[in-house]
Amino acid sequence: MFKQITPFVLTSDLDSSIRFYCGILGFNCTFKADGYAFLRRDHAAIRVVVTPADVDLSDERRQQMIYIDVDDVDALYEQLKPGLDTLPQVRIRSPFDQHYGQREFHVADDYATLILFGQPLSRQG
């Protein structure tokens, strides 16, 4: 039986990534070791791993994406907005409706990982 999925997020600076995911996106660091951290928020979790120094994580061709399903994307965006406002605007896309029936907002971390938060659009009668 599957229990949960926890994607690995690559970083070249573990402490910086922990500050981003915990300070901006509201995750909690529940375990940290040399070059590794486990972060959790509600039923979502990620594992942050330090890559070798010669790996260029700023190269957009290395971009990773994580989709996190949420109950209320607009409420979450408003909750996170004070922290999001500290980031360069180019790293944030405020809530919008997708053609495939999801309402989403997007946030990019420092190392080419795009985090998408979304919920199904309400069906109009």
N, C-alpha and C. Protein backbone atom coordinates (compact mmCIF):
# COMPACT_ATOMS: atom_id res chain seq x y z
N MET A 1 0.85 -1.19 0.00
CA MET A 1 0.00 0.00 0.00
C MET A 1 0.88 1.25 0.00
N PHE A 2 0.60 2.16 -0.92
CA PHE A 2 1.35 3.41 -0.96
C PHE A 2 0.90 4.29 0.20
N LYS A 3 1.85 4.98 0.82
CA LYS A 3 1.55 5.82 1.96
C LYS A 3 1.67 7.31 1.62
N GLN A 4 2.77 7.70 0.99
CA GLN A 4 2.96 9.08 0.56
C GLN A 4 4.10 9.12 -0.44
N ILE A 5 4.20 10.22 -1.16
CA ILE A 5 5.31 10.44 -2.07
C ILE A 5 6.03 11.71 -1.62
N THR A 6 7.34 11.63 -1.56
CA THR A 6 8.13 12.79 -1.12
C THR A 6 9.23 13.04 -2.14
N PRO A 7 9.03 14.02 -3.01
CA PRO A 7 10.04 14.30 -4.03
C PRO A 7 11.34 14.82 -3.43
N PHE A 8 12.43 14.54 -4.13
CA PHE A 8 13.73 15.09 -3.77
C PHE A 8 13.91 16.41 -4.50
N VAL A 9 14.29 17.44 -3.76
CA VAL A 9 14.57 18.76 -4.31
C VAL A 9 16.07 18.98 -4.17
N LEU A 10 16.71 19.33 -5.28
CA LEU A 10 18.15 19.53 -5.27
C LEU A 10 18.50 20.96 -4.88
N THR A 11 19.60 21.10 -4.16
CA THR A 11 20.07 22.41 -3.73
C THR A 11 21.59 22.41 -3.68
N SER A 12 22.17 23.60 -3.74
CA SER A 12 23.60 23.73 -3.49
C SER A 12 23.85 24.37 -2.13
N ASP A 13 22.77 24.82 -1.46
CA ASP A 13 22.88 25.44 -0.14
C ASP A 13 21.69 24.98 0.71
N LEU A 14 21.93 23.98 1.54
CA LEU A 14 20.86 23.37 2.33
C LEU A 14 20.16 24.38 3.23
N ASP A 15 20.93 25.19 3.95
CA ASP A 15 20.32 26.14 4.88
C ASP A 15 19.46 27.17 4.15
N SER A 16 19.92 27.63 2.98
CA SER A 16 19.13 28.57 2.19
C SER A 16 17.81 27.94 1.76
N SER A 17 17.86 26.70 1.32
CA SER A 17 16.63 26.02 0.89
C SER A 17 15.68 25.79 2.06
N ILE A 18 16.22 25.43 3.21
CA ILE A 18 15.37 25.26 4.39
C ILE A 18 14.70 26.58 4.74
N ARG A 19 15.44 27.68 4.69
CA ARG A 19 14.84 29.00 4.97
C ARG A 19 13.72 29.31 3.98
N PHE A 20 13.92 28.98 2.68
CA PHE A 20 12.89 29.25 1.68
C PHE A 20 11.64 28.40 1.94
N TYR A 21 11.81 27.09 2.02
CA TYR A 21 10.64 26.21 2.15
C TYR A 21 9.95 26.37 3.50
N CYS A 22 10.69 26.64 4.55
CA CYS A 22 10.07 26.82 5.86
C CYS A 22 9.60 28.26 6.06
N GLY A 23 10.45 29.22 5.76
CA GLY A 23 10.13 30.63 6.00
C GLY A 23 9.12 31.20 5.04
N ILE A 24 9.17 30.81 3.77
CA ILE A 24 8.27 31.38 2.76
C ILE A 24 7.03 30.50 2.55
N LEU A 25 7.22 29.17 2.46
CA LEU A 25 6.11 28.27 2.12
C LEU A 25 5.50 27.55 3.32
N GLY A 26 6.03 27.76 4.51
CA GLY A 26 5.40 27.25 5.72
C GLY A 26 5.66 25.79 6.06
N PHE A 27 6.67 25.18 5.43
CA PHE A 27 7.05 23.82 5.81
C PHE A 27 7.78 23.83 7.14
N ASN A 28 7.88 22.69 7.78
CA ASN A 28 8.67 22.52 9.01
C ASN A 28 9.78 21.52 8.73
N CYS A 29 10.97 21.84 9.17
CA CYS A 29 12.10 20.93 9.03
C CYS A 29 12.02 19.93 10.18
N THR A 30 11.74 18.68 9.86
CA THR A 30 11.60 17.66 10.90
C THR A 30 12.85 16.82 11.07
N PHE A 31 13.78 16.92 10.13
CA PHE A 31 15.05 16.19 10.23
C PHE A 31 16.07 16.87 9.35
N LYS A 32 17.28 17.03 9.90
CA LYS A 32 18.38 17.63 9.13
C LYS A 32 19.65 16.87 9.46
N ALA A 33 20.37 16.48 8.42
CA ALA A 33 21.66 15.83 8.57
C ALA A 33 22.60 16.47 7.56
N ASP A 34 23.82 15.99 7.50
CA ASP A 34 24.79 16.53 6.56
C ASP A 34 24.30 16.37 5.12
N GLY A 35 23.95 17.49 4.48
CA GLY A 35 23.54 17.46 3.09
C GLY A 35 22.13 16.99 2.82
N TYR A 36 21.28 16.91 3.84
CA TYR A 36 19.93 16.36 3.66
C TYR A 36 18.98 16.97 4.69
N ALA A 37 17.75 17.24 4.26
CA ALA A 37 16.72 17.68 5.20
C ALA A 37 15.37 17.11 4.76
N PHE A 38 14.53 16.81 5.73
CA PHE A 38 13.17 16.34 5.48
C PHE A 38 12.24 17.43 5.97
N LEU A 39 11.37 17.92 5.08
CA LEU A 39 10.46 19.02 5.39
C LEU A 39 9.03 18.55 5.22
N ARG A 40 8.15 19.01 6.11
CA ARG A 40 6.76 18.58 6.07
C ARG A 40 5.85 19.77 6.33
N ARG A 41 4.70 19.74 5.65
CA ARG A 41 3.60 20.66 5.94
C ARG A 41 2.32 19.88 5.69
N ASP A 42 1.52 19.71 6.72
CA ASP A 42 0.30 18.92 6.65
C ASP A 42 0.62 17.53 6.09
N HIS A 43 0.00 17.15 4.96
CA HIS A 43 0.25 15.83 4.38
C HIS A 43 1.27 15.86 3.25
N ALA A 44 1.93 16.99 3.05
CA ALA A 44 2.93 17.12 1.99
C ALA A 44 4.32 17.11 2.62
N ALA A 45 5.26 16.49 1.92
CA ALA A 45 6.64 16.46 2.41
C ALA A 45 7.59 16.49 1.22
N ILE A 46 8.77 17.03 1.45
CA ILE A 46 9.84 17.02 0.46
C ILE A 46 11.15 16.70 1.16
N ARG A 47 12.08 16.18 0.38
CA ARG A 47 13.43 15.87 0.86
C ARG A 47 14.38 16.78 0.10
N VAL A 48 15.15 17.57 0.82
CA VAL A 48 16.09 18.49 0.19
C VAL A 48 17.48 17.87 0.29
N VAL A 49 18.15 17.79 -0.85
CA VAL A 49 19.45 17.12 -0.93
C VAL A 49 20.47 18.04 -1.59
N VAL A 50 21.65 18.14 -1.00
CA VAL A 50 22.73 18.94 -1.56
C VAL A 50 23.39 18.17 -2.70
N THR A 51 23.59 18.85 -3.82
CA THR A 51 24.23 18.24 -4.99
C THR A 51 25.73 18.53 -4.95
N PRO A 52 26.48 17.81 -5.75
CA PRO A 52 27.91 18.13 -5.85
C PRO A 52 28.13 19.57 -6.33
N ALA A 53 29.23 20.16 -5.94
CA ALA A 53 29.51 21.57 -6.23
C ALA A 53 29.57 21.87 -7.72
N ASP A 54 29.89 20.88 -8.55
CA ASP A 54 30.02 21.14 -9.99
C ASP A 54 28.69 21.08 -10.75
N VAL A 55 27.58 20.82 -10.07
CA VAL A 55 26.27 20.78 -10.72
C VAL A 55 25.67 22.18 -10.72
N ASP A 56 25.32 22.68 -11.91
CA ASP A 56 24.75 24.02 -12.06
C ASP A 56 23.23 23.94 -11.95
N LEU A 57 22.71 24.22 -10.76
CA LEU A 57 21.27 24.14 -10.55
C LEU A 57 20.52 25.36 -11.08
N SER A 58 21.22 26.39 -11.51
CA SER A 58 20.53 27.55 -12.07
C SER A 58 20.19 27.34 -13.54
N ASP A 59 20.68 26.29 -14.15
CA ASP A 59 20.39 25.97 -15.55
C ASP A 59 18.93 25.54 -15.67
N GLU A 60 18.11 26.32 -16.39
CA GLU A 60 16.68 26.03 -16.49
C GLU A 60 16.39 24.68 -17.11
N ARG A 61 17.34 24.11 -17.84
CA ARG A 61 17.12 22.78 -18.42
C ARG A 61 17.07 21.71 -17.33
N ARG A 62 17.51 22.04 -16.13
CA ARG A 62 17.48 21.10 -15.01
C ARG A 62 16.21 21.27 -14.16
N GLN A 63 15.31 22.14 -14.61
CA GLN A 63 14.15 22.48 -13.79
C GLN A 63 13.35 21.25 -13.37
N GLN A 64 13.00 21.24 -12.10
CA GLN A 64 12.12 20.23 -11.53
C GLN A 64 10.81 20.93 -11.19
N MET A 65 9.73 20.16 -11.14
CA MET A 65 8.43 20.73 -10.77
C MET A 65 7.77 19.83 -9.74
N ILE A 66 7.13 20.46 -8.77
CA ILE A 66 6.38 19.76 -7.74
C ILE A 66 4.97 20.34 -7.75
N TYR A 67 3.97 19.46 -7.82
CA TYR A 67 2.58 19.92 -7.76
C TYR A 67 2.02 19.52 -6.41
N ILE A 68 1.49 20.50 -5.67
CA ILE A 68 0.91 20.26 -4.35
C ILE A 68 -0.57 20.60 -4.43
N ASP A 69 -1.43 19.60 -4.26
CA ASP A 69 -2.86 19.81 -4.25
C ASP A 69 -3.26 20.39 -2.89
N VAL A 70 -4.09 21.43 -2.93
CA VAL A 70 -4.53 22.10 -1.71
C VAL A 70 -6.04 22.27 -1.72
N ASP A 71 -6.61 22.59 -0.56
CA ASP A 71 -8.06 22.78 -0.44
C ASP A 71 -8.52 24.14 -0.97
N ASP A 72 -7.75 25.19 -0.69
CA ASP A 72 -8.16 26.55 -1.06
C ASP A 72 -6.93 27.32 -1.50
N VAL A 73 -6.69 27.35 -2.79
CA VAL A 73 -5.47 27.95 -3.33
C VAL A 73 -5.41 29.45 -3.04
N ASP A 74 -6.55 30.13 -3.11
CA ASP A 74 -6.55 31.57 -2.86
C ASP A 74 -6.24 31.89 -1.40
N ALA A 75 -6.81 31.12 -0.48
CA ALA A 75 -6.54 31.34 0.94
C ALA A 75 -5.07 31.05 1.25
N LEU A 76 -4.52 29.98 0.68
CA LEU A 76 -3.11 29.67 0.90
C LEU A 76 -2.23 30.78 0.36
N TYR A 77 -2.54 31.27 -0.83
CA TYR A 77 -1.76 32.36 -1.42
C TYR A 77 -1.77 33.58 -0.49
N GLU A 78 -2.93 33.94 0.03
CA GLU A 78 -3.02 35.09 0.95
C GLU A 78 -2.23 34.83 2.23
N GLN A 79 -2.26 33.60 2.72
CA GLN A 79 -1.50 33.25 3.92
C GLN A 79 0.01 33.38 3.68
N LEU A 80 0.46 32.97 2.50
CA LEU A 80 1.89 33.00 2.18
C LEU A 80 2.36 34.34 1.63
N LYS A 81 1.44 35.22 1.27
CA LYS A 81 1.77 36.46 0.57
C LYS A 81 2.83 37.31 1.26
N PRO A 82 2.82 37.49 2.58
CA PRO A 82 3.89 38.30 3.18
C PRO A 82 5.29 37.76 2.86
N GLY A 83 5.47 36.46 2.90
CA GLY A 83 6.76 35.89 2.53
C GLY A 83 7.02 35.94 1.04
N LEU A 84 5.98 35.68 0.24
CA LEU A 84 6.13 35.73 -1.21
C LEU A 84 6.53 37.13 -1.67
N ASP A 85 6.02 38.15 -0.99
CA ASP A 85 6.34 39.53 -1.36
C ASP A 85 7.81 39.86 -1.17
N THR A 86 8.55 39.04 -0.43
CA THR A 86 9.99 39.28 -0.25
C THR A 86 10.81 38.70 -1.40
N LEU A 87 10.18 37.92 -2.27
CA LEU A 87 10.87 37.30 -3.40
C LEU A 87 10.79 38.19 -4.64
N PRO A 88 11.73 38.05 -5.56
CA PRO A 88 11.60 38.77 -6.83
C PRO A 88 10.31 38.34 -7.53
N GLN A 89 9.57 39.30 -8.06
CA GLN A 89 8.27 39.01 -8.69
C GLN A 89 8.36 37.99 -9.81
N VAL A 90 9.50 37.88 -10.46
CA VAL A 90 9.66 36.93 -11.55
C VAL A 90 9.55 35.47 -11.06
N ARG A 91 9.66 35.26 -9.76
CA ARG A 91 9.59 33.90 -9.20
C ARG A 91 8.19 33.52 -8.74
N ILE A 92 7.21 34.40 -8.92
CA ILE A 92 5.86 34.14 -8.41
C ILE A 92 4.84 34.38 -9.53
N ARG A 93 3.86 33.50 -9.59
CA ARG A 93 2.69 33.73 -10.45
C ARG A 93 1.48 33.60 -9.55
N SER A 94 0.75 34.69 -9.39
CA SER A 94 -0.39 34.72 -8.47
C SER A 94 -1.51 33.81 -9.00
N PRO A 95 -2.52 33.51 -8.17
CA PRO A 95 -3.58 32.57 -8.57
C PRO A 95 -4.24 32.90 -9.90
N PHE A 96 -4.44 31.86 -10.69
CA PHE A 96 -5.07 31.98 -12.01
C PHE A 96 -5.71 30.64 -12.36
N ASP A 97 -6.64 30.68 -13.30
CA ASP A 97 -7.34 29.47 -13.73
C ASP A 97 -6.65 28.87 -14.95
N GLN A 98 -6.44 27.56 -14.91
CA GLN A 98 -5.82 26.84 -16.02
C GLN A 98 -6.91 26.26 -16.92
N HIS A 99 -6.59 26.09 -18.18
CA HIS A 99 -7.55 25.53 -19.14
C HIS A 99 -7.91 24.08 -18.82
N TYR A 100 -7.10 23.40 -18.04
CA TYR A 100 -7.36 22.01 -17.70
C TYR A 100 -8.13 21.85 -16.40
N GLY A 101 -8.77 22.93 -15.93
CA GLY A 101 -9.70 22.83 -14.82
C GLY A 101 -9.10 22.96 -13.42
N GLN A 102 -7.94 23.56 -13.32
CA GLN A 102 -7.31 23.77 -12.02
C GLN A 102 -7.12 25.27 -11.79
N ARG A 103 -7.21 25.69 -10.55
CA ARG A 103 -6.82 27.04 -10.14
C ARG A 103 -5.48 26.87 -9.43
N GLU A 104 -4.50 27.66 -9.81
CA GLU A 104 -3.13 27.46 -9.33
C GLU A 104 -2.44 28.78 -9.02
N PHE A 105 -1.36 28.67 -8.22
CA PHE A 105 -0.33 29.71 -8.19
C PHE A 105 1.00 28.99 -8.17
N HIS A 106 2.04 29.68 -8.65
CA HIS A 106 3.35 29.07 -8.83
C HIS A 106 4.42 29.88 -8.10
N VAL A 107 5.41 29.18 -7.56
CA VAL A 107 6.55 29.81 -6.89
C VAL A 107 7.81 29.04 -7.29
N ALA A 108 8.86 29.76 -7.63
CA ALA A 108 10.14 29.13 -7.96
C ALA A 108 11.12 29.32 -6.81
N ASP A 109 11.87 28.27 -6.50
CA ASP A 109 12.91 28.42 -5.48
C ASP A 109 14.19 28.95 -6.14
N ASP A 110 15.28 28.99 -5.39
CA ASP A 110 16.54 29.53 -5.90
C ASP A 110 17.25 28.60 -6.87
N TYR A 111 16.81 27.34 -6.96
CA TYR A 111 17.59 26.33 -7.67
C TYR A 111 16.78 25.59 -8.73
N ALA A 112 16.01 26.31 -9.53
CA ALA A 112 15.29 25.76 -10.68
C ALA A 112 14.22 24.73 -10.31
N THR A 113 13.64 24.84 -9.12
CA THR A 113 12.49 24.01 -8.78
C THR A 113 11.26 24.91 -8.78
N LEU A 114 10.24 24.49 -9.53
CA LEU A 114 8.99 25.23 -9.61
C LEU A 114 7.96 24.48 -8.77
N ILE A 115 7.37 25.17 -7.79
CA ILE A 115 6.36 24.58 -6.93
C ILE A 115 5.02 25.14 -7.37
N LEU A 116 4.11 24.23 -7.75
CA LEU A 116 2.78 24.61 -8.20
C LEU A 116 1.78 24.18 -7.14
N PHE A 117 0.94 25.09 -6.71
CA PHE A 117 -0.13 24.79 -5.76
C PHE A 117 -1.43 24.88 -6.53
N GLY A 118 -2.31 23.89 -6.37
CA GLY A 118 -3.54 23.93 -7.14
C GLY A 118 -4.70 23.20 -6.52
N GLN A 119 -5.88 23.52 -7.05
CA GLN A 119 -7.13 22.87 -6.65
C GLN A 119 -8.03 22.84 -7.87
N PRO A 120 -8.97 21.88 -7.92
CA PRO A 120 -9.91 21.85 -9.03
C PRO A 120 -10.79 23.10 -9.02
N LEU A 121 -11.09 23.60 -10.21
CA LEU A 121 -12.03 24.71 -10.32
C LEU A 121 -13.41 24.23 -9.91
N SER A 122 -14.17 25.10 -9.26
CA SER A 122 -15.55 24.75 -8.89
C SER A 122 -16.38 24.62 -10.16
N ARG A 123 -17.22 23.64 -10.18
CA ARG A 123 -18.10 23.45 -11.34
C ARG A 123 -19.28 24.41 -11.22
N GLN A 124 -19.48 25.17 -12.27
CA GLN A 124 -20.60 26.10 -12.30
C GLN A 124 -21.85 25.38 -12.81
N GLY A 125 -22.98 25.55 -12.15
CA GLY A 125 -24.21 24.87 -12.53
C GLY A 125 -24.71 25.34 -13.79
